[in-house]
Amino acid sequence: MDDGIPEPVEERPWRPEDGPPPAVRTWPSADPPALWVRSRGRWRWATVRARQDWVDGRTTYQVLVDLDGSTTMVTRSYRWPQPGLRAARRTAPPNLSPAESPGL
């Protein structure tokens, strides 16, 4: 049954002509958050690898997901929010990128 929820649109990577690069945050690999990603009429579990906060206010999540049920995992980036994305698992706040780190 088609529920009418569209698949999310993949976001292209940052390019120099976009201006300053986004701030990138990551999580420890042992405790990543997750999203549900709509693909081929089903919700697929996607492990969040990174969050990008763009200067213009956009937020993009880079996820590892099996889009077709074949067990082949692929990396995709999606702008948040979209109807074809849903929060699945929340965790501790992300780590800061090296540029944001207060240093030692």
N, C-alpha and C. Protein backbone atom coordinates (compact mmCIF):
# COMPACT_ATOMS: atom_id res chain seq x y z
N MET A 1 0.84 -1.18 0.00
CA MET A 1 0.00 0.00 0.00
C MET A 1 0.88 1.25 0.00
N ASP A 2 0.61 2.16 -0.87
CA ASP A 2 1.37 3.41 -0.98
C ASP A 2 0.77 4.42 -0.02
N ASP A 3 1.60 4.91 0.90
CA ASP A 3 1.11 5.88 1.88
C ASP A 3 1.31 7.32 1.42
N GLY A 4 1.85 7.50 0.22
CA GLY A 4 2.01 8.85 -0.34
C GLY A 4 3.20 9.62 0.20
N ILE A 5 4.02 9.00 1.04
CA ILE A 5 5.19 9.69 1.58
C ILE A 5 6.32 9.59 0.55
N PRO A 6 6.83 10.73 0.07
CA PRO A 6 7.89 10.69 -0.93
C PRO A 6 9.23 10.27 -0.33
N GLU A 7 10.06 9.70 -1.18
CA GLU A 7 11.42 9.39 -0.76
C GLU A 7 12.18 10.70 -0.59
N PRO A 8 13.11 10.76 0.36
CA PRO A 8 13.86 12.00 0.55
C PRO A 8 14.79 12.27 -0.63
N VAL A 9 15.06 13.54 -0.84
CA VAL A 9 15.96 13.97 -1.91
C VAL A 9 17.36 14.06 -1.34
N GLU A 10 18.30 13.44 -2.04
CA GLU A 10 19.69 13.46 -1.58
C GLU A 10 20.29 14.85 -1.77
N GLU A 11 21.09 15.27 -0.82
CA GLU A 11 21.76 16.58 -0.84
C GLU A 11 23.14 16.42 -1.45
N ARG A 12 23.53 17.32 -2.32
CA ARG A 12 24.87 17.26 -2.90
C ARG A 12 25.91 17.73 -1.89
N PRO A 13 27.17 17.33 -2.07
CA PRO A 13 28.23 17.76 -1.15
C PRO A 13 28.51 19.26 -1.26
N TRP A 14 29.14 19.79 -0.23
CA TRP A 14 29.58 21.18 -0.22
C TRP A 14 30.57 21.40 -1.36
N ARG A 15 30.51 22.60 -1.95
CA ARG A 15 31.47 23.03 -2.97
C ARG A 15 32.01 24.40 -2.57
N PRO A 16 33.22 24.75 -2.99
CA PRO A 16 33.79 26.05 -2.62
C PRO A 16 32.88 27.23 -2.98
N GLU A 17 32.15 27.14 -4.09
CA GLU A 17 31.26 28.24 -4.47
C GLU A 17 30.05 28.39 -3.53
N ASP A 18 29.87 27.44 -2.61
CA ASP A 18 28.78 27.53 -1.63
C ASP A 18 29.11 28.48 -0.49
N GLY A 19 30.36 28.93 -0.42
CA GLY A 19 30.78 29.79 0.69
C GLY A 19 31.49 28.96 1.73
N PRO A 20 31.47 29.42 2.98
CA PRO A 20 32.17 28.69 4.04
C PRO A 20 31.64 27.26 4.15
N PRO A 21 32.52 26.30 4.41
CA PRO A 21 32.05 24.93 4.57
C PRO A 21 31.18 24.79 5.82
N PRO A 22 30.28 23.80 5.81
CA PRO A 22 29.44 23.61 6.98
C PRO A 22 30.25 23.10 8.17
N ALA A 23 29.77 23.40 9.37
CA ALA A 23 30.36 22.83 10.57
C ALA A 23 29.93 21.36 10.62
N VAL A 24 30.87 20.47 10.83
CA VAL A 24 30.59 19.04 10.83
C VAL A 24 30.71 18.50 12.24
N ARG A 25 29.71 17.72 12.64
CA ARG A 25 29.71 17.10 13.96
C ARG A 25 29.55 15.60 13.77
N THR A 26 30.23 14.83 14.61
CA THR A 26 30.13 13.38 14.54
C THR A 26 29.82 12.82 15.92
N TRP A 27 29.45 11.56 15.97
CA TRP A 27 29.16 10.88 17.22
C TRP A 27 30.13 9.72 17.37
N PRO A 28 30.34 9.26 18.59
CA PRO A 28 31.14 8.04 18.77
C PRO A 28 30.46 6.89 18.02
N SER A 29 31.25 6.05 17.35
CA SER A 29 30.66 4.98 16.55
C SER A 29 29.89 3.97 17.39
N ALA A 30 30.15 3.93 18.68
CA ALA A 30 29.42 3.01 19.55
C ALA A 30 28.04 3.52 19.95
N ASP A 31 27.76 4.80 19.71
CA ASP A 31 26.49 5.38 20.17
C ASP A 31 25.93 6.40 19.18
N PRO A 32 25.76 6.03 17.91
CA PRO A 32 25.25 7.01 16.94
C PRO A 32 23.72 7.11 16.98
N PRO A 33 23.19 8.27 16.63
CA PRO A 33 21.73 8.36 16.45
C PRO A 33 21.34 7.67 15.15
N ALA A 34 20.04 7.60 14.90
CA ALA A 34 19.57 6.95 13.67
C ALA A 34 18.34 7.66 13.16
N LEU A 35 18.12 7.52 11.86
CA LEU A 35 16.93 8.04 11.19
C LEU A 35 16.22 6.89 10.49
N TRP A 36 14.94 7.06 10.25
CA TRP A 36 14.22 6.21 9.32
C TRP A 36 14.24 6.94 7.99
N VAL A 37 14.60 6.23 6.92
CA VAL A 37 14.67 6.80 5.58
C VAL A 37 13.67 6.04 4.70
N ARG A 38 12.78 6.76 4.04
CA ARG A 38 11.80 6.14 3.15
C ARG A 38 12.48 5.76 1.84
N SER A 39 12.43 4.47 1.46
CA SER A 39 13.05 4.01 0.22
C SER A 39 12.28 2.80 -0.31
N ARG A 40 11.89 2.87 -1.58
CA ARG A 40 11.18 1.78 -2.25
C ARG A 40 9.94 1.34 -1.48
N GLY A 41 9.23 2.33 -0.95
CA GLY A 41 7.97 2.06 -0.27
C GLY A 41 8.08 1.54 1.15
N ARG A 42 9.30 1.53 1.71
CA ARG A 42 9.49 1.04 3.08
C ARG A 42 10.36 2.02 3.86
N TRP A 43 10.22 1.97 5.18
CA TRP A 43 11.09 2.73 6.05
C TRP A 43 12.33 1.91 6.33
N ARG A 44 13.51 2.49 6.08
CA ARG A 44 14.79 1.79 6.27
C ARG A 44 15.58 2.46 7.40
N TRP A 45 16.17 1.65 8.25
CA TRP A 45 16.98 2.14 9.36
C TRP A 45 18.28 2.73 8.80
N ALA A 46 18.66 3.92 9.25
CA ALA A 46 19.87 4.58 8.78
C ALA A 46 20.66 5.10 9.97
N THR A 47 21.89 4.69 10.09
CA THR A 47 22.78 5.15 11.15
C THR A 47 23.36 6.50 10.75
N VAL A 48 23.25 7.47 11.62
CA VAL A 48 23.79 8.81 11.33
C VAL A 48 25.30 8.78 11.54
N ARG A 49 26.03 9.22 10.52
CA ARG A 49 27.48 9.29 10.59
C ARG A 49 27.95 10.71 10.94
N ALA A 50 27.23 11.72 10.43
CA ALA A 50 27.64 13.11 10.68
C ALA A 50 26.45 14.05 10.49
N ARG A 51 26.56 15.20 11.11
CA ARG A 51 25.60 16.29 10.93
C ARG A 51 26.39 17.48 10.41
N GLN A 52 25.83 18.13 9.38
CA GLN A 52 26.45 19.32 8.82
C GLN A 52 25.51 20.50 9.04
N ASP A 53 26.02 21.54 9.67
CA ASP A 53 25.27 22.77 9.89
C ASP A 53 25.83 23.83 8.96
N TRP A 54 25.04 24.21 7.97
CA TRP A 54 25.46 25.15 6.93
C TRP A 54 25.27 26.59 7.40
N VAL A 55 26.06 27.49 6.87
CA VAL A 55 26.00 28.91 7.22
C VAL A 55 24.61 29.50 6.94
N ASP A 56 23.94 29.01 5.89
CA ASP A 56 22.61 29.53 5.54
C ASP A 56 21.48 28.94 6.38
N GLY A 57 21.81 28.10 7.37
CA GLY A 57 20.80 27.55 8.27
C GLY A 57 20.37 26.12 7.96
N ARG A 58 20.79 25.59 6.82
CA ARG A 58 20.44 24.20 6.49
C ARG A 58 21.12 23.23 7.43
N THR A 59 20.47 22.10 7.64
CA THR A 59 21.06 20.99 8.37
C THR A 59 21.01 19.77 7.46
N THR A 60 22.13 19.09 7.32
CA THR A 60 22.22 17.89 6.51
C THR A 60 22.74 16.76 7.38
N TYR A 61 22.11 15.59 7.25
CA TYR A 61 22.60 14.41 7.95
C TYR A 61 23.20 13.44 6.94
N GLN A 62 24.39 12.97 7.24
CA GLN A 62 25.03 11.93 6.43
C GLN A 62 24.74 10.61 7.14
N VAL A 63 24.15 9.67 6.40
CA VAL A 63 23.72 8.40 7.00
C VAL A 63 24.28 7.21 6.24
N LEU A 64 24.33 6.08 6.91
CA LEU A 64 24.67 4.80 6.32
C LEU A 64 23.38 4.00 6.29
N VAL A 65 22.94 3.60 5.09
CA VAL A 65 21.61 3.01 4.94
C VAL A 65 21.60 1.93 3.86
N ASP A 66 20.75 0.93 4.04
CA ASP A 66 20.48 -0.10 3.03
C ASP A 66 19.19 0.34 2.35
N LEU A 67 19.29 0.91 1.17
CA LEU A 67 18.13 1.51 0.50
C LEU A 67 17.18 0.51 -0.16
N ASP A 68 17.65 -0.71 -0.42
CA ASP A 68 16.80 -1.65 -1.16
C ASP A 68 16.58 -2.99 -0.48
N GLY A 69 17.06 -3.16 0.75
CA GLY A 69 16.87 -4.42 1.46
C GLY A 69 17.87 -5.49 1.07
N SER A 70 18.90 -5.14 0.30
CA SER A 70 19.89 -6.11 -0.17
C SER A 70 21.02 -6.33 0.84
N THR A 71 21.04 -5.59 1.92
CA THR A 71 22.10 -5.54 2.94
C THR A 71 23.34 -4.80 2.47
N THR A 72 23.29 -4.16 1.30
CA THR A 72 24.39 -3.32 0.84
C THR A 72 24.19 -1.93 1.43
N MET A 73 25.14 -1.54 2.26
CA MET A 73 25.05 -0.25 2.92
C MET A 73 25.71 0.82 2.06
N VAL A 74 25.04 1.96 1.93
CA VAL A 74 25.57 3.08 1.17
C VAL A 74 25.49 4.34 2.03
N THR A 75 26.35 5.29 1.74
CA THR A 75 26.34 6.57 2.44
C THR A 75 25.54 7.56 1.61
N ARG A 76 24.60 8.25 2.25
CA ARG A 76 23.78 9.27 1.61
C ARG A 76 23.69 10.48 2.54
N SER A 77 23.50 11.65 1.95
CA SER A 77 23.31 12.88 2.72
C SER A 77 21.94 13.45 2.41
N TYR A 78 21.20 13.80 3.45
CA TYR A 78 19.85 14.33 3.29
C TYR A 78 19.68 15.60 4.11
N ARG A 79 19.03 16.59 3.51
CA ARG A 79 18.69 17.80 4.24
C ARG A 79 17.55 17.48 5.20
N TRP A 80 17.63 18.04 6.38
CA TRP A 80 16.61 17.85 7.42
C TRP A 80 15.81 19.12 7.56
N PRO A 81 14.53 19.10 7.67
CA PRO A 81 13.64 17.94 7.61
C PRO A 81 13.11 17.69 6.20
N GLN A 82 12.59 16.50 5.99
CA GLN A 82 11.89 16.10 4.77
C GLN A 82 10.83 15.07 5.18
N PRO A 83 9.73 14.96 4.43
CA PRO A 83 8.71 13.97 4.79
C PRO A 83 9.23 12.53 4.79
N GLY A 84 10.22 12.22 3.96
CA GLY A 84 10.75 10.86 3.88
C GLY A 84 11.82 10.54 4.90
N LEU A 85 11.99 11.40 5.92
CA LEU A 85 12.94 11.16 7.00
C LEU A 85 12.22 11.29 8.33
N ARG A 86 12.57 10.43 9.26
CA ARG A 86 12.02 10.51 10.62
C ARG A 86 13.10 10.16 11.63
N ALA A 87 13.06 10.82 12.77
CA ALA A 87 14.00 10.48 13.84
C ALA A 87 13.68 9.07 14.32
N ALA A 88 14.73 8.26 14.51
CA ALA A 88 14.54 6.89 14.98
C ALA A 88 15.18 6.67 16.34
N ARG A 89 16.35 7.24 16.54
CA ARG A 89 17.08 7.05 17.79
C ARG A 89 17.90 8.29 18.09
N ARG A 90 17.70 8.84 19.26
CA ARG A 90 18.47 10.01 19.68
C ARG A 90 19.54 9.55 20.66
N THR A 91 20.66 10.28 20.67
CA THR A 91 21.76 9.94 21.58
C THR A 91 22.33 11.22 22.19
N ALA A 92 23.47 11.08 22.79
CA ALA A 92 24.16 12.23 23.38
C ALA A 92 24.49 13.25 22.30
N PRO A 93 24.73 14.51 22.68
CA PRO A 93 25.10 15.53 21.68
C PRO A 93 26.32 15.10 20.88
N PRO A 94 26.41 15.56 19.63
CA PRO A 94 27.55 15.19 18.78
C PRO A 94 28.84 15.83 19.25
N ASN A 95 29.96 15.25 18.81
CA ASN A 95 31.27 15.84 19.05
C ASN A 95 31.44 17.06 18.17
N LEU A 96 32.26 17.99 18.60
CA LEU A 96 32.55 19.16 17.80
C LEU A 96 33.60 18.83 16.75
N SER A 97 33.55 19.53 15.63
CA SER A 97 34.59 19.36 14.62
C SER A 97 35.88 19.94 15.17
N PRO A 98 37.03 19.57 14.59
CA PRO A 98 38.31 20.14 15.07
C PRO A 98 38.32 21.66 15.07
N ALA A 99 37.66 22.28 14.09
CA ALA A 99 37.65 23.75 14.02
C ALA A 99 36.91 24.36 15.19
N GLU A 100 35.94 23.64 15.76
CA GLU A 100 35.15 24.17 16.87
C GLU A 100 35.68 23.75 18.24
N SER A 101 36.61 22.79 18.24
CA SER A 101 37.13 22.27 19.48
C SER A 101 37.89 23.35 20.24
N PRO A 102 37.70 23.42 21.57
CA PRO A 102 38.41 24.44 22.34
C PRO A 102 39.90 24.13 22.47
N GLY A 103 40.32 22.96 22.02
CA GLY A 103 41.75 22.62 22.12
C GLY A 103 42.08 21.98 23.45
N LEU A 104 43.35 21.68 23.64
CA LEU A 104 43.78 21.01 24.88
C LEU A 104 44.13 22.00 25.95
